[in-house]
Amino acid sequence: MNTNDYVKYLTQTFVQYMDQPKDQRKQLKKEKKDHKEPFMLRWFGILPYAISYSVKKSRRRKH
C-alpha cells in the first residue's frame, strides 16, 4: 500500500464518519465502549482477572 492509497483511505473513512448524523456517531461510540472488555482482561488475560475477582469477592464476604 503506497502513501496515496493510504491518504485516500483515510479521507474516505473520515468523510463517511462526518456524513453520519451526530446522534448516530454518539450511539456507535457508546456501543463500542459498552462492549469493551475490562482493562485487566484486555492486557493480561483471564488469569489475573480471575484472581482479582476472587480477592474482591472474598473481601466482600469478610465485611
PDB file of N, CA and C in Angstrom:
ATOM      1  N   MET A   1       0.851  -1.171   0.000  1.00  0.00           N
ATOM      2  CA  MET A   1       0.000   0.000   0.000  1.00  0.00           C
ATOM      3  C   MET A   1       0.901   1.239   0.000  1.00  0.00           C
ATOM      4  N   ASN A   2       0.755   2.063  -1.019  1.00  0.00           N
ATOM      5  CA  ASN A   2       1.586   3.259  -1.052  1.00  0.00           C
ATOM      6  C   ASN A   2       0.910   4.420  -0.329  1.00  0.00           C
ATOM      7  N   THR A   3       1.593   5.526  -0.256  1.00  0.00           N
ATOM      8  CA  THR A   3       1.123   6.669   0.535  1.00  0.00           C
ATOM      9  C   THR A   3      -0.179   7.241  -0.007  1.00  0.00           C
ATOM     10  N   ASN A   4      -0.311   7.336  -1.319  1.00  0.00           N
ATOM     11  CA  ASN A   4      -1.534   7.895  -1.902  1.00  0.00           C
ATOM     12  C   ASN A   4      -2.759   7.044  -1.556  1.00  0.00           C
ATOM     13  N   ASP A   5      -2.598   5.728  -1.605  1.00  0.00           N
ATOM     14  CA  ASP A   5      -3.711   4.839  -1.256  1.00  0.00           C
ATOM     15  C   ASP A   5      -4.111   5.019   0.204  1.00  0.00           C
ATOM     16  N   TYR A   6      -3.126   5.159   1.054  1.00  0.00           N
ATOM     17  CA  TYR A   6      -3.401   5.319   2.480  1.00  0.00           C
ATOM     18  C   TYR A   6      -4.118   6.638   2.759  1.00  0.00           C
ATOM     19  N   VAL A   7      -3.668   7.706   2.138  1.00  0.00           N
ATOM     20  CA  VAL A   7      -4.317   9.013   2.315  1.00  0.00           C
ATOM     21  C   VAL A   7      -5.737   8.965   1.779  1.00  0.00           C
ATOM     22  N   LYS A   8      -5.925   8.301   0.644  1.00  0.00           N
ATOM     23  CA  LYS A   8      -7.258   8.147   0.064  1.00  0.00           C
ATOM     24  C   LYS A   8      -8.176   7.390   1.015  1.00  0.00           C
ATOM     25  N   TYR A   9      -7.672   6.291   1.605  1.00  0.00           N
ATOM     26  CA  TYR A   9      -8.455   5.501   2.555  1.00  0.00           C
ATOM     27  C   TYR A   9      -8.828   6.337   3.781  1.00  0.00           C
ATOM     28  N   LEU A  10      -7.856   7.060   4.326  1.00  0.00           N
ATOM     29  CA  LEU A  10      -8.134   7.905   5.492  1.00  0.00           C
ATOM     30  C   LEU A  10      -9.168   8.974   5.169  1.00  0.00           C
ATOM     31  N   THR A  11      -9.062   9.572   4.010  1.00  0.00           N
ATOM     32  CA  THR A  11     -10.007  10.610   3.604  1.00  0.00           C
ATOM     33  C   THR A  11     -11.408  10.033   3.462  1.00  0.00           C
ATOM     34  N   GLN A  12     -11.515   8.883   2.818  1.00  0.00           N
ATOM     35  CA  GLN A  12     -12.834   8.257   2.658  1.00  0.00           C
ATOM     36  C   GLN A  12     -13.442   7.895   4.003  1.00  0.00           C
ATOM     37  N   THR A  13     -12.642   7.352   4.885  1.00  0.00           N
ATOM     38  CA  THR A  13     -13.126   6.973   6.209  1.00  0.00           C
ATOM     39  C   THR A  13     -13.598   8.199   6.980  1.00  0.00           C
ATOM     40  N   PHE A  14     -12.830   9.261   6.918  1.00  0.00           N
ATOM     41  CA  PHE A  14     -13.193  10.491   7.622  1.00  0.00           C
ATOM     42  C   PHE A  14     -14.478  11.090   7.063  1.00  0.00           C
ATOM     43  N   VAL A  15     -14.614  11.110   5.745  1.00  0.00           N
ATOM     44  CA  VAL A  15     -15.819  11.667   5.121  1.00  0.00           C
ATOM     45  C   VAL A  15     -17.045  10.832   5.484  1.00  0.00           C
ATOM     46  N   GLN A  16     -16.910   9.507   5.484  1.00  0.00           N
ATOM     47  CA  GLN A  16     -18.025   8.656   5.889  1.00  0.00           C
ATOM     48  C   GLN A  16     -18.431   8.935   7.332  1.00  0.00           C
ATOM     49  N   TYR A  17     -17.448   9.120   8.176  1.00  0.00           N
ATOM     50  CA  TYR A  17     -17.714   9.406   9.582  1.00  0.00           C
ATOM     51  C   TYR A  17     -18.443  10.739   9.731  1.00  0.00           C
ATOM     52  N   MET A  18     -17.976  11.747   9.020  1.00  0.00           N
ATOM     53  CA  MET A  18     -18.573  13.078   9.141  1.00  0.00           C
ATOM     54  C   MET A  18     -19.951  13.154   8.490  1.00  0.00           C
ATOM     55  N   ASP A  19     -20.246  12.285   7.533  1.00  0.00           N
ATOM     56  CA  ASP A  19     -21.560  12.277   6.889  1.00  0.00           C
ATOM     57  C   ASP A  19     -22.643  11.674   7.783  1.00  0.00           C
ATOM     58  N   GLN A  20     -22.257  10.907   8.786  1.00  0.00           N
ATOM     59  CA  GLN A  20     -23.233  10.326   9.702  1.00  0.00           C
ATOM     60  C   GLN A  20     -23.811  11.424  10.596  1.00  0.00           C
ATOM     61  N   PRO A  21     -25.077  11.310  10.968  1.00  0.00           N
ATOM     62  CA  PRO A  21     -25.648  12.256  11.928  1.00  0.00           C
ATOM     63  C   PRO A  21     -24.929  12.153  13.273  1.00  0.00           C
ATOM     64  N   LYS A  22     -24.894  13.254  13.987  1.00  0.00           N
ATOM     65  CA  LYS A  22     -24.154  13.307  15.240  1.00  0.00           C
ATOM     66  C   LYS A  22     -24.686  12.312  16.267  1.00  0.00           C
ATOM     67  N   ASP A  23     -26.004  12.170  16.361  1.00  0.00           N
ATOM     68  CA  ASP A  23     -26.559  11.234  17.338  1.00  0.00           C
ATOM     69  C   ASP A  23     -26.201   9.782  16.997  1.00  0.00           C
ATOM     70  N   GLN A  24     -26.104   9.463  15.707  1.00  0.00           N
ATOM     71  CA  GLN A  24     -25.707   8.104  15.310  1.00  0.00           C
ATOM     72  C   GLN A  24     -24.236   7.861  15.667  1.00  0.00           C
ATOM     73  N   ARG A  25     -23.372   8.862  15.485  1.00  0.00           N
ATOM     74  CA  ARG A  25     -21.967   8.723  15.852  1.00  0.00           C
ATOM     75  C   ARG A  25     -21.825   8.498  17.354  1.00  0.00           C
ATOM     76  N   LYS A  26     -22.600   9.243  18.142  1.00  0.00           N
ATOM     77  CA  LYS A  26     -22.547   9.085  19.597  1.00  0.00           C
ATOM     78  C   LYS A  26     -23.018   7.697  20.012  1.00  0.00           C
ATOM     79  N   GLN A  27     -24.068   7.210  19.375  1.00  0.00           N
ATOM     80  CA  GLN A  27     -24.590   5.899  19.717  1.00  0.00           C
ATOM     81  C   GLN A  27     -23.573   4.805  19.364  1.00  0.00           C
ATOM     82  N   LEU A  28     -22.929   4.896  18.208  1.00  0.00           N
ATOM     83  CA  LEU A  28     -21.918   3.906  17.830  1.00  0.00           C
ATOM     84  C   LEU A  28     -20.752   3.923  18.806  1.00  0.00           C
ATOM     85  N   LYS A  29     -20.351   5.115  19.236  1.00  0.00           N
ATOM     86  CA  LYS A  29     -19.256   5.234  20.198  1.00  0.00           C
ATOM     87  C   LYS A  29     -19.645   4.608  21.532  1.00  0.00           C
ATOM     88  N   LYS A  30     -20.891   4.838  21.967  1.00  0.00           N
ATOM     89  CA  LYS A  30     -21.368   4.271  23.226  1.00  0.00           C
ATOM     90  C   LYS A  30     -21.432   2.746  23.145  1.00  0.00           C
ATOM     91  N   GLU A  31     -21.925   2.203  22.029  1.00  0.00           N
ATOM     92  CA  GLU A  31     -21.999   0.755  21.856  1.00  0.00           C
ATOM     93  C   GLU A  31     -20.610   0.132  21.873  1.00  0.00           C
ATOM     94  N   LYS A  32     -19.662   0.775  21.228  1.00  0.00           N
ATOM     95  CA  LYS A  32     -18.291   0.264  21.208  1.00  0.00           C
ATOM     96  C   LYS A  32     -17.696   0.267  22.613  1.00  0.00           C
ATOM     97  N   LYS A  33     -17.986   1.306  23.374  1.00  0.00           N
ATOM     98  CA  LYS A  33     -17.478   1.407  24.736  1.00  0.00           C
ATOM     99  C   LYS A  33     -18.125   0.359  25.639  1.00  0.00           C
ATOM    100  N   ASP A  34     -19.405   0.100  25.448  1.00  0.00           N
ATOM    101  CA  ASP A  34     -20.117  -0.886  26.267  1.00  0.00           C
ATOM    102  C   ASP A  34     -19.612  -2.311  26.024  1.00  0.00           C
ATOM    103  N   HIS A  35     -19.130  -2.598  24.831  1.00  0.00           N
ATOM    104  CA  HIS A  35     -18.674  -3.940  24.501  1.00  0.00           C
ATOM    105  C   HIS A  35     -17.191  -4.162  24.789  1.00  0.00           C
ATOM    106  N   LYS A  36     -16.531  -3.162  25.314  1.00  0.00           N
ATOM    107  CA  LYS A  36     -15.099  -3.279  25.589  1.00  0.00           C
ATOM    108  C   LYS A  36     -14.882  -4.142  26.826  1.00  0.00           C
ATOM    109  N   GLU A  37     -13.858  -4.994  26.767  1.00  0.00           N
ATOM    110  CA  GLU A  37     -13.535  -5.861  27.898  1.00  0.00           C
ATOM    111  C   GLU A  37     -12.835  -5.052  28.987  1.00  0.00           C
ATOM    112  N   PRO A  38     -12.865  -5.508  30.234  1.00  0.00           N
ATOM    113  CA  PRO A  38     -12.156  -4.821  31.310  1.00  0.00           C
ATOM    114  C   PRO A  38     -10.649  -4.728  31.028  1.00  0.00           C
ATOM    115  N   PHE A  39     -10.008  -3.727  31.603  1.00  0.00           N
ATOM    116  CA  PHE A  39      -8.596  -3.456  31.363  1.00  0.00           C
ATOM    117  C   PHE A  39      -7.718  -4.659  31.665  1.00  0.00           C
ATOM    118  N   MET A  40      -7.897  -5.264  32.828  1.00  0.00           N
ATOM    119  CA  MET A  40      -7.059  -6.398  33.225  1.00  0.00           C
ATOM    120  C   MET A  40      -7.185  -7.549  32.225  1.00  0.00           C
ATOM    121  N   LEU A  41      -8.373  -7.795  31.750  1.00  0.00           N
ATOM    122  CA  LEU A  41      -8.590  -8.884  30.812  1.00  0.00           C
ATOM    123  C   LEU A  41      -7.959  -8.575  29.456  1.00  0.00           C
ATOM    124  N   ARG A  42      -8.100  -7.353  28.986  1.00  0.00           N
ATOM    125  CA  ARG A  42      -7.528  -6.984  27.691  1.00  0.00           C
ATOM    126  C   ARG A  42      -6.014  -7.063  27.688  1.00  0.00           C
ATOM    127  N   TRP A  43      -5.367  -6.617  28.746  1.00  0.00           N
ATOM    128  CA  TRP A  43      -3.914  -6.508  28.749  1.00  0.00           C
ATOM    129  C   TRP A  43      -3.196  -7.740  29.285  1.00  0.00           C
ATOM    130  N   PHE A  44      -3.784  -8.452  30.218  1.00  0.00           N
ATOM    131  CA  PHE A  44      -3.051  -9.522  30.877  1.00  0.00           C
ATOM    132  C   PHE A  44      -3.702 -10.887  30.783  1.00  0.00           C
ATOM    133  N   GLY A  45      -4.888 -11.000  30.234  1.00  0.00           N
ATOM    134  CA  GLY A  45      -5.535 -12.293  30.074  1.00  0.00           C
ATOM    135  C   GLY A  45      -6.493 -12.606  31.208  1.00  0.00           C
ATOM    136  N   ILE A  46      -6.979 -13.794  31.215  1.00  0.00           N
ATOM    137  CA  ILE A  46      -8.046 -14.192  32.128  1.00  0.00           C
ATOM    138  C   ILE A  46      -7.545 -14.509  33.528  1.00  0.00           C
ATOM    139  N   LEU A  47      -6.331 -15.015  33.679  1.00  0.00           N
ATOM    140  CA  LEU A  47      -5.846 -15.437  34.989  1.00  0.00           C
ATOM    141  C   LEU A  47      -5.755 -14.281  35.991  1.00  0.00           C
ATOM    142  N   PRO A  48      -5.096 -13.153  35.696  1.00  0.00           N
ATOM    143  CA  PRO A  48      -5.071 -12.053  36.663  1.00  0.00           C
ATOM    144  C   PRO A  48      -6.472 -11.499  36.951  1.00  0.00           C
ATOM    145  N   TYR A  49      -7.320 -11.492  35.926  1.00  0.00           N
ATOM    146  CA  TYR A  49      -8.685 -11.019  36.120  1.00  0.00           C
ATOM    147  C   TYR A  49      -9.434 -11.934  37.089  1.00  0.00           C
ATOM    148  N   ALA A  50      -9.271 -13.226  36.947  1.00  0.00           N
ATOM    149  CA  ALA A  50      -9.941 -14.186  37.835  1.00  0.00           C
ATOM    150  C   ALA A  50      -9.426 -14.059  39.265  1.00  0.00           C
ATOM    151  N   ILE A  51      -8.133 -13.853  39.419  1.00  0.00           N
ATOM    152  CA  ILE A  51      -7.553 -13.699  40.760  1.00  0.00           C
ATOM    153  C   ILE A  51      -8.084 -12.439  41.423  1.00  0.00           C
ATOM    154  N   SER A  52      -8.090 -11.322  40.687  1.00  0.00           N
ATOM    155  CA  SER A  52      -8.589 -10.082  41.287  1.00  0.00           C
ATOM    156  C   SER A  52     -10.074 -10.186  41.622  1.00  0.00           C
ATOM    157  N   TYR A  53     -10.826 -10.882  40.796  1.00  0.00           N
ATOM    158  CA  TYR A  53     -12.248 -11.072  41.065  1.00  0.00           C
ATOM    159  C   TYR A  53     -12.464 -11.890  42.332  1.00  0.00           C
ATOM    160  N   SER A  54     -11.693 -12.947  42.502  1.00  0.00           N
ATOM    161  CA  SER A  54     -11.860 -13.791  43.686  1.00  0.00           C
ATOM    162  C   SER A  54     -11.410 -13.052  44.950  1.00  0.00           C
ATOM    163  N   VAL A  55     -10.390 -12.224  44.849  1.00  0.00           N
ATOM    164  CA  VAL A  55      -9.944 -11.438  46.010  1.00  0.00           C
ATOM    165  C   VAL A  55     -11.026 -10.440  46.411  1.00  0.00           C
ATOM    166  N   LYS A  56     -11.596  -9.757  45.431  1.00  0.00           N
ATOM    167  CA  LYS A  56     -12.665  -8.798  45.732  1.00  0.00           C
ATOM    168  C   LYS A  56     -13.864  -9.512  46.359  1.00  0.00           C
ATOM    169  N   LYS A  57     -14.183 -10.685  45.826  1.00  0.00           N
ATOM    170  CA  LYS A  57     -15.321 -11.442  46.349  1.00  0.00           C
ATOM    171  C   LYS A  57     -15.078 -11.884  47.786  1.00  0.00           C
ATOM    172  N   SER A  58     -13.865 -12.307  48.096  1.00  0.00           N
ATOM    173  CA  SER A  58     -13.555 -12.755  49.456  1.00  0.00           C
ATOM    174  C   SER A  58     -13.552 -11.572  50.424  1.00  0.00           C
ATOM    175  N   ARG A  59     -13.146 -10.415  49.968  1.00  0.00           N
ATOM    176  CA  ARG A  59     -13.166  -9.216  50.827  1.00  0.00           C
ATOM    177  C   ARG A  59     -14.593  -8.824  51.163  1.00  0.00           C
ATOM    178  N   ARG A  60     -15.495  -8.964  50.235  1.00  0.00           N
ATOM    179  CA  ARG A  60     -16.901  -8.628  50.482  1.00  0.00           C
ATOM    180  C   ARG A  60     -17.518  -9.558  51.520  1.00  0.00           C
ATOM    181  N   ARG A  61     -17.122 -10.817  51.515  1.00  0.00           N
ATOM    182  CA  ARG A  61     -17.670 -11.787  52.459  1.00  0.00           C
ATOM    183  C   ARG A  61     -17.232 -11.477  53.887  1.00  0.00           C
ATOM    184  N   LYS A  62     -15.999 -11.001  54.050  1.00  0.00           N
ATOM    185  CA  LYS A  62     -15.458 -10.749  55.377  1.00  0.00           C
ATOM    186  C   LYS A  62     -16.125  -9.546  56.059  1.00  0.00           C
ATOM    187  N   HIS A  63     -16.587  -8.596  55.279  1.00  0.00           N
ATOM    188  CA  HIS A  63     -17.176  -7.376  55.868  1.00  0.00           C
ATOM    189  C   HIS A  63     -18.618  -7.515  56.055  1.00  0.00           C
TER     190      HIS A  63
END
